[in-house]
Amino acid sequence: MSAEDSLDRRQEKTRQAIRRAFIELLFELNYNDVTVAAVAQRANVGRSTLYEHFRTKSDMLRDSLTMPMSSLAAVIGSRDVPAQLGWWLQHFKERQALGRVLFYLPARDIMLDVLAELIEARLEKLTEATPPIPLRLLASQIAAAQFALLTPWILGQVAVSQTVLAETLHLTSNGLVRSIFQA
């Protein structure tokens, strides 16, 4: 193993420790109450080390959301409901306490932005046709529509099976895409 590989592994372990500490604190506190200093202390790293990986608390949230939001974005252009979507929906549901933190401002806006970016990237790969509106606008609409379905379900305000929710997210998201590209 080269010195560079060893450094990369160490950097990745540090990044994972920071991400884990941030998520643990989100379970304990409101997003607004999580501080960079608290994350650094929980991750057992110096603040300067944390800043080498993340400039802001918002960057930590964006990083921790990329993988789960990717499962929602994966419905765009897919023929079938992506297999990982059901797992992530269950994961969200089992962590309702975190949902109560993330589905309200300002974390909600960051989540929507991350999801819209991921959806926009998928839309760019779908077609070379130019839609009547910017792809970012369509991606933002789809992200908001997905959240309109997800939020009450995750917060336990409505009862619907995870399978039905996944199918509905798939159908409605792609329905929006088809309606714009056929216009």
N, C-alpha and C. Protein backbone atom coordinates (compact mmCIF):
# COMPACT_ATOMS: atom_id res chain seq x y z
N MET A 1 0.84 -1.17 0.00
CA MET A 1 0.00 0.00 0.00
C MET A 1 0.89 1.24 0.00
N SER A 2 0.62 2.17 -0.89
CA SER A 2 1.42 3.38 -0.98
C SER A 2 1.03 4.36 0.12
N ALA A 3 1.89 5.34 0.33
CA ALA A 3 1.61 6.37 1.35
C ALA A 3 0.36 7.16 0.97
N GLU A 4 0.17 7.36 -0.33
CA GLU A 4 -1.01 8.09 -0.81
C GLU A 4 -2.30 7.32 -0.51
N ASP A 5 -2.28 5.99 -0.73
CA ASP A 5 -3.45 5.16 -0.41
C ASP A 5 -3.76 5.22 1.08
N SER A 6 -2.71 5.17 1.89
CA SER A 6 -2.88 5.22 3.33
C SER A 6 -3.50 6.55 3.76
N LEU A 7 -3.04 7.64 3.15
CA LEU A 7 -3.59 8.96 3.44
C LEU A 7 -5.05 9.04 3.02
N ASP A 8 -5.37 8.53 1.83
CA ASP A 8 -6.75 8.54 1.36
C ASP A 8 -7.66 7.76 2.29
N ARG A 9 -7.19 6.62 2.77
CA ARG A 9 -7.99 5.81 3.70
C ARG A 9 -8.21 6.55 5.01
N ARG A 10 -7.15 7.18 5.49
CA ARG A 10 -7.26 7.95 6.74
C ARG A 10 -8.24 9.10 6.56
N GLN A 11 -8.14 9.78 5.44
CA GLN A 11 -9.05 10.90 5.17
C GLN A 11 -10.49 10.41 5.09
N GLU A 12 -10.69 9.27 4.46
CA GLU A 12 -12.05 8.73 4.35
C GLU A 12 -12.58 8.30 5.71
N LYS A 13 -11.74 7.71 6.53
CA LYS A 13 -12.16 7.33 7.89
C LYS A 13 -12.53 8.57 8.70
N THR A 14 -11.75 9.62 8.55
CA THR A 14 -12.05 10.87 9.26
C THR A 14 -13.37 11.45 8.77
N ARG A 15 -13.56 11.45 7.47
CA ARG A 15 -14.81 11.97 6.89
C ARG A 15 -16.01 11.16 7.40
N GLN A 16 -15.86 9.85 7.45
CA GLN A 16 -16.94 8.99 7.96
C GLN A 16 -17.22 9.27 9.43
N ALA A 17 -16.17 9.50 10.20
CA ALA A 17 -16.36 9.81 11.63
C ALA A 17 -17.10 11.13 11.80
N ILE A 18 -16.77 12.10 10.98
CA ILE A 18 -17.46 13.39 11.03
C ILE A 18 -18.92 13.22 10.63
N ARG A 19 -19.16 12.48 9.54
CA ARG A 19 -20.53 12.24 9.08
C ARG A 19 -21.35 11.53 10.16
N ARG A 20 -20.77 10.51 10.75
CA ARG A 20 -21.46 9.74 11.80
C ARG A 20 -21.77 10.63 13.00
N ALA A 21 -20.81 11.45 13.42
CA ALA A 21 -21.02 12.35 14.55
C ALA A 21 -22.12 13.36 14.24
N PHE A 22 -22.12 13.88 13.04
CA PHE A 22 -23.15 14.84 12.64
C PHE A 22 -24.54 14.20 12.70
N ILE A 23 -24.66 13.00 12.15
CA ILE A 23 -25.96 12.32 12.15
C ILE A 23 -26.41 11.98 13.57
N GLU A 24 -25.49 11.53 14.41
CA GLU A 24 -25.83 11.26 15.81
C GLU A 24 -26.38 12.51 16.48
N LEU A 25 -25.73 13.64 16.24
CA LEU A 25 -26.19 14.89 16.85
C LEU A 25 -27.55 15.32 16.30
N LEU A 26 -27.80 15.02 15.03
CA LEU A 26 -29.13 15.34 14.47
C LEU A 26 -30.23 14.56 15.19
N PHE A 27 -29.92 13.34 15.61
CA PHE A 27 -30.90 12.54 16.35
C PHE A 27 -31.17 13.14 17.74
N GLU A 28 -30.16 13.80 18.28
CA GLU A 28 -30.27 14.34 19.63
C GLU A 28 -30.77 15.77 19.68
N LEU A 29 -30.46 16.55 18.66
CA LEU A 29 -30.73 17.99 18.68
C LEU A 29 -31.51 18.41 17.44
N ASN A 30 -32.01 19.59 17.46
CA ASN A 30 -32.58 20.22 16.27
C ASN A 30 -31.41 20.61 15.37
N TYR A 31 -31.62 20.60 14.06
CA TYR A 31 -30.56 20.97 13.12
C TYR A 31 -29.92 22.30 13.50
N ASN A 32 -30.75 23.28 13.85
CA ASN A 32 -30.23 24.60 14.21
C ASN A 32 -29.31 24.57 15.42
N ASP A 33 -29.49 23.58 16.29
CA ASP A 33 -28.70 23.50 17.51
C ASP A 33 -27.40 22.71 17.35
N VAL A 34 -27.24 22.04 16.24
CA VAL A 34 -25.99 21.31 15.98
C VAL A 34 -24.92 22.33 15.59
N THR A 35 -23.78 22.27 16.25
CA THR A 35 -22.69 23.19 15.94
C THR A 35 -21.50 22.43 15.37
N VAL A 36 -20.69 23.15 14.63
CA VAL A 36 -19.47 22.57 14.08
C VAL A 36 -18.57 22.09 15.22
N ALA A 37 -18.49 22.87 16.29
CA ALA A 37 -17.66 22.49 17.43
C ALA A 37 -18.15 21.18 18.05
N ALA A 38 -19.47 21.02 18.17
CA ALA A 38 -20.02 19.78 18.74
C ALA A 38 -19.73 18.59 17.84
N VAL A 39 -19.83 18.79 16.53
CA VAL A 39 -19.54 17.70 15.59
C VAL A 39 -18.07 17.31 15.70
N ALA A 40 -17.19 18.30 15.71
CA ALA A 40 -15.76 18.02 15.82
C ALA A 40 -15.45 17.26 17.11
N GLN A 41 -16.05 17.70 18.21
CA GLN A 41 -15.81 17.02 19.49
C GLN A 41 -16.32 15.58 19.45
N ARG A 42 -17.53 15.39 18.93
CA ARG A 42 -18.11 14.04 18.87
C ARG A 42 -17.29 13.14 17.96
N ALA A 43 -16.76 13.69 16.86
CA ALA A 43 -15.97 12.90 15.91
C ALA A 43 -14.53 12.71 16.38
N ASN A 44 -14.18 13.41 17.45
CA ASN A 44 -12.83 13.35 18.00
C ASN A 44 -11.79 13.84 16.99
N VAL A 45 -12.13 14.97 16.35
CA VAL A 45 -11.21 15.62 15.43
C VAL A 45 -11.16 17.10 15.78
N GLY A 46 -10.11 17.75 15.37
CA GLY A 46 -10.02 19.19 15.56
C GLY A 46 -10.92 19.92 14.58
N ARG A 47 -11.29 21.14 14.95
CA ARG A 47 -12.14 21.92 14.05
C ARG A 47 -11.46 22.16 12.71
N SER A 48 -10.15 22.38 12.73
CA SER A 48 -9.44 22.60 11.47
C SER A 48 -9.50 21.35 10.59
N THR A 49 -9.44 20.18 11.20
CA THR A 49 -9.58 18.93 10.44
C THR A 49 -10.98 18.82 9.85
N LEU A 50 -11.98 19.15 10.66
CA LEU A 50 -13.35 19.12 10.15
C LEU A 50 -13.50 20.05 8.95
N TYR A 51 -12.92 21.26 9.05
CA TYR A 51 -13.04 22.23 7.96
C TYR A 51 -12.28 21.79 6.70
N GLU A 52 -11.33 20.88 6.83
CA GLU A 52 -10.68 20.33 5.64
C GLU A 52 -11.66 19.49 4.83
N HIS A 53 -12.67 18.95 5.49
CA HIS A 53 -13.65 18.08 4.85
C HIS A 53 -14.96 18.80 4.52
N PHE A 54 -15.38 19.69 5.39
CA PHE A 54 -16.66 20.38 5.22
C PHE A 54 -16.50 21.84 5.60
N ARG A 55 -16.94 22.74 4.73
CA ARG A 55 -16.83 24.17 5.02
C ARG A 55 -17.87 24.62 6.04
N THR A 56 -19.07 24.01 5.97
CA THR A 56 -20.18 24.48 6.81
C THR A 56 -21.00 23.29 7.32
N LYS A 57 -21.85 23.59 8.26
CA LYS A 57 -22.80 22.58 8.76
C LYS A 57 -23.73 22.16 7.63
N SER A 58 -24.10 23.09 6.79
CA SER A 58 -24.94 22.78 5.63
C SER A 58 -24.26 21.77 4.71
N ASP A 59 -22.95 21.91 4.53
CA ASP A 59 -22.20 20.95 3.71
C ASP A 59 -22.24 19.55 4.31
N MET A 60 -22.19 19.48 5.64
CA MET A 60 -22.28 18.17 6.30
C MET A 60 -23.65 17.54 6.06
N LEU A 61 -24.69 18.36 6.14
CA LEU A 61 -26.04 17.85 5.89
C LEU A 61 -26.17 17.39 4.45
N ARG A 62 -25.71 18.21 3.51
CA ARG A 62 -25.79 17.84 2.10
C ARG A 62 -25.08 16.51 1.84
N ASP A 63 -23.89 16.36 2.41
CA ASP A 63 -23.12 15.13 2.24
C ASP A 63 -23.87 13.92 2.80
N SER A 64 -24.44 14.08 3.98
CA SER A 64 -25.12 12.95 4.61
C SER A 64 -26.43 12.60 3.91
N LEU A 65 -26.97 13.52 3.12
CA LEU A 65 -28.24 13.28 2.43
C LEU A 65 -28.07 12.72 1.02
N THR A 66 -26.90 12.81 0.46
CA THR A 66 -26.72 12.43 -0.95
C THR A 66 -27.13 11.00 -1.22
N MET A 67 -26.71 10.06 -0.40
CA MET A 67 -27.06 8.66 -0.66
C MET A 67 -28.56 8.41 -0.52
N PRO A 68 -29.20 8.80 0.58
CA PRO A 68 -30.64 8.53 0.67
C PRO A 68 -31.45 9.28 -0.39
N MET A 69 -31.05 10.50 -0.71
CA MET A 69 -31.80 11.26 -1.73
C MET A 69 -31.58 10.65 -3.12
N SER A 70 -30.45 9.99 -3.32
CA SER A 70 -30.20 9.32 -4.60
C SER A 70 -31.24 8.24 -4.87
N SER A 71 -31.71 7.59 -3.81
CA SER A 71 -32.73 6.55 -4.00
C SER A 71 -34.04 7.15 -4.49
N LEU A 72 -34.35 8.36 -4.06
CA LEU A 72 -35.57 9.03 -4.55
C LEU A 72 -35.37 9.50 -5.99
N ALA A 73 -34.19 10.03 -6.28
CA ALA A 73 -33.90 10.49 -7.63
C ALA A 73 -33.87 9.33 -8.62
N ALA A 74 -33.53 8.14 -8.15
CA ALA A 74 -33.39 6.97 -9.03
C ALA A 74 -34.70 6.56 -9.69
N VAL A 75 -35.82 7.04 -9.20
CA VAL A 75 -37.09 6.69 -9.85
C VAL A 75 -37.23 7.37 -11.20
N ILE A 76 -36.52 8.47 -11.40
CA ILE A 76 -36.64 9.23 -12.65
C ILE A 76 -36.07 8.43 -13.81
N GLY A 77 -36.93 8.15 -14.76
CA GLY A 77 -36.51 7.43 -15.95
C GLY A 77 -36.40 5.93 -15.78
N SER A 78 -36.66 5.43 -14.58
CA SER A 78 -36.56 3.98 -14.38
C SER A 78 -37.86 3.31 -14.81
N ARG A 79 -37.72 2.16 -15.41
CA ARG A 79 -38.89 1.40 -15.86
C ARG A 79 -39.68 0.85 -14.69
N ASP A 80 -38.96 0.39 -13.69
CA ASP A 80 -39.57 -0.20 -12.50
C ASP A 80 -39.14 0.60 -11.27
N VAL A 81 -39.82 0.33 -10.18
CA VAL A 81 -39.43 0.96 -8.91
C VAL A 81 -38.04 0.46 -8.54
N PRO A 82 -37.07 1.36 -8.34
CA PRO A 82 -35.73 0.91 -7.97
C PRO A 82 -35.74 0.10 -6.67
N ALA A 83 -35.01 -0.98 -6.66
CA ALA A 83 -35.01 -1.90 -5.51
C ALA A 83 -34.60 -1.21 -4.21
N GLN A 84 -33.63 -0.30 -4.29
CA GLN A 84 -33.15 0.33 -3.07
C GLN A 84 -34.15 1.32 -2.48
N LEU A 85 -35.15 1.74 -3.24
CA LEU A 85 -36.11 2.72 -2.74
C LEU A 85 -36.88 2.18 -1.54
N GLY A 86 -37.33 0.95 -1.61
CA GLY A 86 -38.07 0.36 -0.50
C GLY A 86 -37.24 0.32 0.78
N TRP A 87 -35.97 -0.04 0.64
CA TRP A 87 -35.09 -0.09 1.81
C TRP A 87 -34.96 1.30 2.44
N TRP A 88 -34.74 2.31 1.59
CA TRP A 88 -34.58 3.67 2.12
C TRP A 88 -35.88 4.18 2.74
N LEU A 89 -37.01 3.87 2.15
CA LEU A 89 -38.28 4.30 2.74
C LEU A 89 -38.44 3.70 4.14
N GLN A 90 -38.12 2.43 4.27
CA GLN A 90 -38.20 1.79 5.58
C GLN A 90 -37.22 2.45 6.56
N HIS A 91 -36.03 2.74 6.07
CA HIS A 91 -35.00 3.40 6.87
C HIS A 91 -35.52 4.75 7.38
N PHE A 92 -36.14 5.53 6.49
CA PHE A 92 -36.70 6.83 6.88
C PHE A 92 -37.80 6.64 7.92
N LYS A 93 -38.67 5.70 7.67
CA LYS A 93 -39.82 5.47 8.55
C LYS A 93 -39.36 5.06 9.95
N GLU A 94 -38.34 4.23 10.02
CA GLU A 94 -37.84 3.77 11.31
C GLU A 94 -37.14 4.88 12.09
N ARG A 95 -36.81 5.94 11.41
CA ARG A 95 -36.11 7.05 12.06
C ARG A 95 -36.99 8.30 12.04
N GLN A 96 -38.22 8.14 12.48
CA GLN A 96 -39.17 9.26 12.49
C GLN A 96 -38.63 10.46 13.25
N ALA A 97 -37.90 10.22 14.31
CA ALA A 97 -37.37 11.33 15.10
C ALA A 97 -36.46 12.21 14.24
N LEU A 98 -35.66 11.58 13.40
CA LEU A 98 -34.80 12.35 12.51
C LEU A 98 -35.64 13.06 11.46
N GLY A 99 -36.69 12.39 10.99
CA GLY A 99 -37.59 13.02 10.03
C GLY A 99 -38.19 14.30 10.57
N ARG A 100 -38.49 14.31 11.85
CA ARG A 100 -39.05 15.51 12.47
C ARG A 100 -38.05 16.66 12.45
N VAL A 101 -36.77 16.34 12.46
CA VAL A 101 -35.73 17.37 12.37
C VAL A 101 -35.55 17.81 10.92
N LEU A 102 -35.49 16.84 10.01
CA LEU A 102 -35.13 17.14 8.63
C LEU A 102 -36.26 17.69 7.77
N PHE A 103 -37.49 17.38 8.11
CA PHE A 103 -38.58 17.79 7.24
C PHE A 103 -39.12 19.18 7.57
N TYR A 104 -38.40 19.91 8.38
CA TYR A 104 -38.78 21.28 8.70
C TYR A 104 -37.61 22.20 8.39
N LEU A 105 -37.91 23.47 8.18
CA LEU A 105 -36.88 24.45 7.83
C LEU A 105 -35.83 24.53 8.93
N PRO A 106 -34.60 24.86 8.60
CA PRO A 106 -34.01 25.07 7.29
C PRO A 106 -33.52 23.78 6.63
N ALA A 107 -33.51 22.68 7.37
CA ALA A 107 -33.00 21.42 6.81
C ALA A 107 -33.81 20.97 5.61
N ARG A 108 -35.11 21.22 5.62
CA ARG A 108 -35.98 20.80 4.52
C ARG A 108 -35.52 21.42 3.20
N ASP A 109 -35.21 22.71 3.23
CA ASP A 109 -34.76 23.38 2.00
C ASP A 109 -33.47 22.76 1.47
N ILE A 110 -32.58 22.40 2.37
CA ILE A 110 -31.33 21.77 1.95
C ILE A 110 -31.61 20.40 1.35
N MET A 111 -32.49 19.64 2.00
CA MET A 111 -32.87 18.32 1.46
C MET A 111 -33.48 18.45 0.07
N LEU A 112 -34.40 19.40 -0.08
CA LEU A 112 -35.04 19.60 -1.39
C LEU A 112 -34.01 19.98 -2.44
N ASP A 113 -33.06 20.81 -2.07
CA ASP A 113 -32.03 21.24 -3.01
C ASP A 113 -31.15 20.07 -3.43
N VAL A 114 -30.75 19.25 -2.48
CA VAL A 114 -29.94 18.06 -2.79
C VAL A 114 -30.71 17.14 -3.73
N LEU A 115 -31.98 16.88 -3.40
CA LEU A 115 -32.79 16.00 -4.23
C LEU A 115 -32.99 16.59 -5.62
N ALA A 116 -33.26 17.89 -5.71
CA ALA A 116 -33.45 18.52 -7.02
C ALA A 116 -32.18 18.42 -7.87
N GLU A 117 -31.01 18.60 -7.27
CA GLU A 117 -29.75 18.46 -8.01
C GLU A 117 -29.60 17.05 -8.57
N LEU A 118 -29.90 16.06 -7.75
CA LEU A 118 -29.78 14.66 -8.19
C LEU A 118 -30.80 14.33 -9.28
N ILE A 119 -32.00 14.84 -9.15
CA ILE A 119 -33.03 14.62 -10.17
C ILE A 119 -32.64 15.32 -11.47
N GLU A 120 -32.13 16.53 -11.36
CA GLU A 120 -31.71 17.26 -12.55
C GLU A 120 -30.63 16.48 -13.31
N ALA A 121 -29.69 15.90 -12.60
CA ALA A 121 -28.64 15.10 -13.24
C ALA A 121 -29.24 13.91 -13.98
N ARG A 122 -30.26 13.29 -13.41
CA ARG A 122 -30.92 12.16 -14.09
C ARG A 122 -31.69 12.65 -15.31
N LEU A 123 -32.35 13.79 -15.19
CA LEU A 123 -33.10 14.33 -16.32
C LEU A 123 -32.18 14.65 -17.49
N GLU A 124 -31.00 15.16 -17.20
CA GLU A 124 -30.04 15.49 -18.25
C GLU A 124 -29.64 14.26 -19.06
N LYS A 125 -29.64 13.10 -18.43
CA LYS A 125 -29.26 11.86 -19.10
C LYS A 125 -30.42 11.22 -19.86
N LEU A 126 -31.64 11.65 -19.55
CA LEU A 126 -32.82 11.01 -20.13
C LEU A 126 -33.04 11.31 -21.60
N THR A 127 -32.88 12.55 -21.96
CA THR A 127 -33.24 12.94 -23.32
C THR A 127 -32.40 14.12 -23.77
N GLU A 128 -32.29 14.24 -25.07
CA GLU A 128 -31.61 15.40 -25.63
C GLU A 128 -32.62 16.48 -25.99
N ALA A 129 -33.90 16.16 -25.89
CA ALA A 129 -34.95 17.14 -26.19
C ALA A 129 -34.88 18.28 -25.18
N THR A 130 -35.21 19.45 -25.64
CA THR A 130 -35.23 20.61 -24.76
C THR A 130 -36.64 20.82 -24.24
N PRO A 131 -36.82 20.72 -22.94
CA PRO A 131 -38.16 20.93 -22.38
C PRO A 131 -38.52 22.41 -22.41
N PRO A 132 -39.81 22.72 -22.27
CA PRO A 132 -40.24 24.12 -22.30
C PRO A 132 -39.83 24.91 -21.05
N ILE A 133 -39.37 24.22 -20.02
CA ILE A 133 -38.88 24.90 -18.82
C ILE A 133 -37.49 24.38 -18.50
N PRO A 134 -36.69 25.14 -17.77
CA PRO A 134 -35.36 24.64 -17.40
C PRO A 134 -35.46 23.35 -16.60
N LEU A 135 -34.53 22.45 -16.84
CA LEU A 135 -34.53 21.17 -16.12
C LEU A 135 -34.48 21.37 -14.61
N ARG A 136 -33.77 22.39 -14.16
CA ARG A 136 -33.69 22.63 -12.71
C ARG A 136 -35.08 22.92 -12.14
N LEU A 137 -35.89 23.65 -12.89
CA LEU A 137 -37.24 23.96 -12.43
C LEU A 137 -38.09 22.69 -12.36
N LEU A 138 -37.99 21.86 -13.37
CA LEU A 138 -38.72 20.58 -13.37
C LEU A 138 -38.23 19.70 -12.22
N ALA A 139 -36.92 19.65 -12.03
CA ALA A 139 -36.36 18.84 -10.94
C ALA A 139 -36.85 19.33 -9.58
N SER A 140 -36.94 20.63 -9.41
CA SER A 140 -37.43 21.20 -8.15
C SER A 140 -38.90 20.85 -7.93
N GLN A 141 -39.69 20.86 -9.01
CA GLN A 141 -41.10 20.49 -8.89
C GLN A 141 -41.24 19.01 -8.50
N ILE A 142 -40.47 18.15 -9.12
CA ILE A 142 -40.54 16.72 -8.81
C ILE A 142 -40.09 16.48 -7.36
N ALA A 143 -39.02 17.14 -6.95
CA ALA A 143 -38.54 16.98 -5.56
C ALA A 143 -39.62 17.41 -4.58
N ALA A 144 -40.26 18.54 -4.84
CA ALA A 144 -41.32 19.02 -3.95
C ALA A 144 -42.51 18.06 -3.93
N ALA A 145 -42.84 17.51 -5.09
CA ALA A 145 -43.95 16.55 -5.16
C ALA A 145 -43.62 15.28 -4.37
N GLN A 146 -42.38 14.82 -4.49
CA GLN A 146 -41.98 13.64 -3.72
C GLN A 146 -42.07 13.92 -2.22
N PHE A 147 -41.63 15.09 -1.81
CA PHE A 147 -41.70 15.44 -0.39
C PHE A 147 -43.14 15.58 0.08
N ALA A 148 -44.02 16.02 -0.80
CA ALA A 148 -45.44 16.13 -0.42
C ALA A 148 -46.02 14.76 -0.09
N LEU A 149 -45.55 13.73 -0.76
CA LEU A 149 -45.97 12.36 -0.45
C LEU A 149 -45.23 11.80 0.78
N LEU A 150 -43.95 12.05 0.84
CA LEU A 150 -43.11 11.46 1.89
C LEU A 150 -43.35 12.04 3.28
N THR A 151 -43.47 13.34 3.37
CA THR A 151 -43.49 14.00 4.68
C THR A 151 -44.58 13.47 5.60
N PRO A 152 -45.85 13.47 5.19
CA PRO A 152 -46.87 12.97 6.12
C PRO A 152 -46.71 11.48 6.43
N TRP A 153 -46.18 10.72 5.49
CA TRP A 153 -45.97 9.29 5.72
C TRP A 153 -44.88 9.07 6.77
N ILE A 154 -43.74 9.73 6.57
CA ILE A 154 -42.63 9.57 7.51
C ILE A 154 -43.01 10.08 8.90
N LEU A 155 -43.77 11.15 8.96
CA LEU A 155 -44.16 11.72 10.25
C LEU A 155 -45.32 10.97 10.89
N GLY A 156 -45.79 9.90 10.23
CA GLY A 156 -46.83 9.06 10.81
C GLY A 156 -48.22 9.67 10.75
N GLN A 157 -48.44 10.60 9.82
CA GLN A 157 -49.74 11.27 9.71
C GLN A 157 -50.70 10.54 8.78
N VAL A 158 -50.18 9.65 7.95
CA VAL A 158 -51.02 8.84 7.06
C VAL A 158 -50.51 7.40 7.08
N ALA A 159 -51.41 6.49 6.83
CA ALA A 159 -51.04 5.07 6.80
C ALA A 159 -51.16 4.56 5.38
N VAL A 160 -50.04 4.17 4.81
CA VAL A 160 -50.00 3.55 3.49
C VAL A 160 -48.76 2.65 3.49
N SER A 161 -48.85 1.56 2.77
CA SER A 161 -47.71 0.64 2.78
C SER A 161 -46.51 1.25 2.07
N GLN A 162 -45.37 0.80 2.48
CA GLN A 162 -44.11 1.23 1.87
C GLN A 162 -44.11 0.91 0.37
N THR A 163 -44.65 -0.24 0.00
CA THR A 163 -44.69 -0.65 -1.40
C THR A 163 -45.56 0.29 -2.22
N VAL A 164 -46.73 0.61 -1.70
CA VAL A 164 -47.64 1.53 -2.41
C VAL A 164 -47.00 2.91 -2.52
N LEU A 165 -46.35 3.36 -1.46
CA LEU A 165 -45.69 4.66 -1.51
C LEU A 165 -44.58 4.67 -2.56
N ALA A 166 -43.77 3.63 -2.60
CA ALA A 166 -42.69 3.54 -3.59
C ALA A 166 -43.26 3.56 -5.01
N GLU A 167 -44.31 2.79 -5.24
CA GLU A 167 -44.94 2.77 -6.57
C GLU A 167 -45.51 4.13 -6.93
N THR A 168 -46.13 4.80 -5.96
CA THR A 168 -46.71 6.11 -6.21
C THR A 168 -45.63 7.14 -6.51
N LEU A 169 -44.53 7.12 -5.76
CA LEU A 169 -43.41 8.02 -6.05
C LEU A 169 -42.89 7.79 -7.46
N HIS A 170 -42.77 6.54 -7.84
CA HIS A 170 -42.28 6.18 -9.17
C HIS A 170 -43.24 6.69 -10.26
N LEU A 171 -44.51 6.39 -10.11
CA LEU A 171 -45.50 6.77 -11.12
C LEU A 171 -45.67 8.28 -11.25
N THR A 172 -45.82 8.96 -10.13
CA THR A 172 -46.08 10.41 -10.20
C THR A 172 -44.85 11.18 -10.65
N SER A 173 -43.68 10.78 -10.21
CA SER A 173 -42.46 11.48 -10.62
C SER A 173 -42.24 11.35 -12.12
N ASN A 174 -42.39 10.13 -12.64
CA ASN A 174 -42.21 9.93 -14.07
C ASN A 174 -43.36 10.52 -14.87
N GLY A 175 -44.54 10.59 -14.28
CA GLY A 175 -45.66 11.25 -14.94
C GLY A 175 -45.37 12.73 -15.18
N LEU A 176 -44.76 13.39 -14.21
CA LEU A 176 -44.38 14.79 -14.39
C LEU A 176 -43.35 14.92 -15.51
N VAL A 177 -42.39 14.03 -15.53
CA VAL A 177 -41.36 14.07 -16.58
C VAL A 177 -42.01 13.90 -17.95
N ARG A 178 -42.84 12.87 -18.10
CA ARG A 178 -43.50 12.62 -19.40
C ARG A 178 -44.36 13.81 -19.83
N SER A 179 -45.09 14.38 -18.90
CA SER A 179 -45.99 15.48 -19.27
C SER A 179 -45.22 16.69 -19.78
N ILE A 180 -44.06 16.96 -19.23
CA ILE A 180 -43.27 18.10 -19.68
C ILE A 180 -42.60 17.82 -21.03
N PHE A 181 -42.06 16.62 -21.19
CA PHE A 181 -41.35 16.32 -22.43
C PHE A 181 -42.30 16.06 -23.59
N GLN A 182 -43.56 15.79 -23.31
CA GLN A 182 -44.54 15.59 -24.38
C GLN A 182 -45.26 16.89 -24.73
N ALA A 183 -45.04 17.92 -23.94
CA ALA A 183 -45.74 19.20 -24.16
C ALA A 183 -45.27 19.86 -25.43
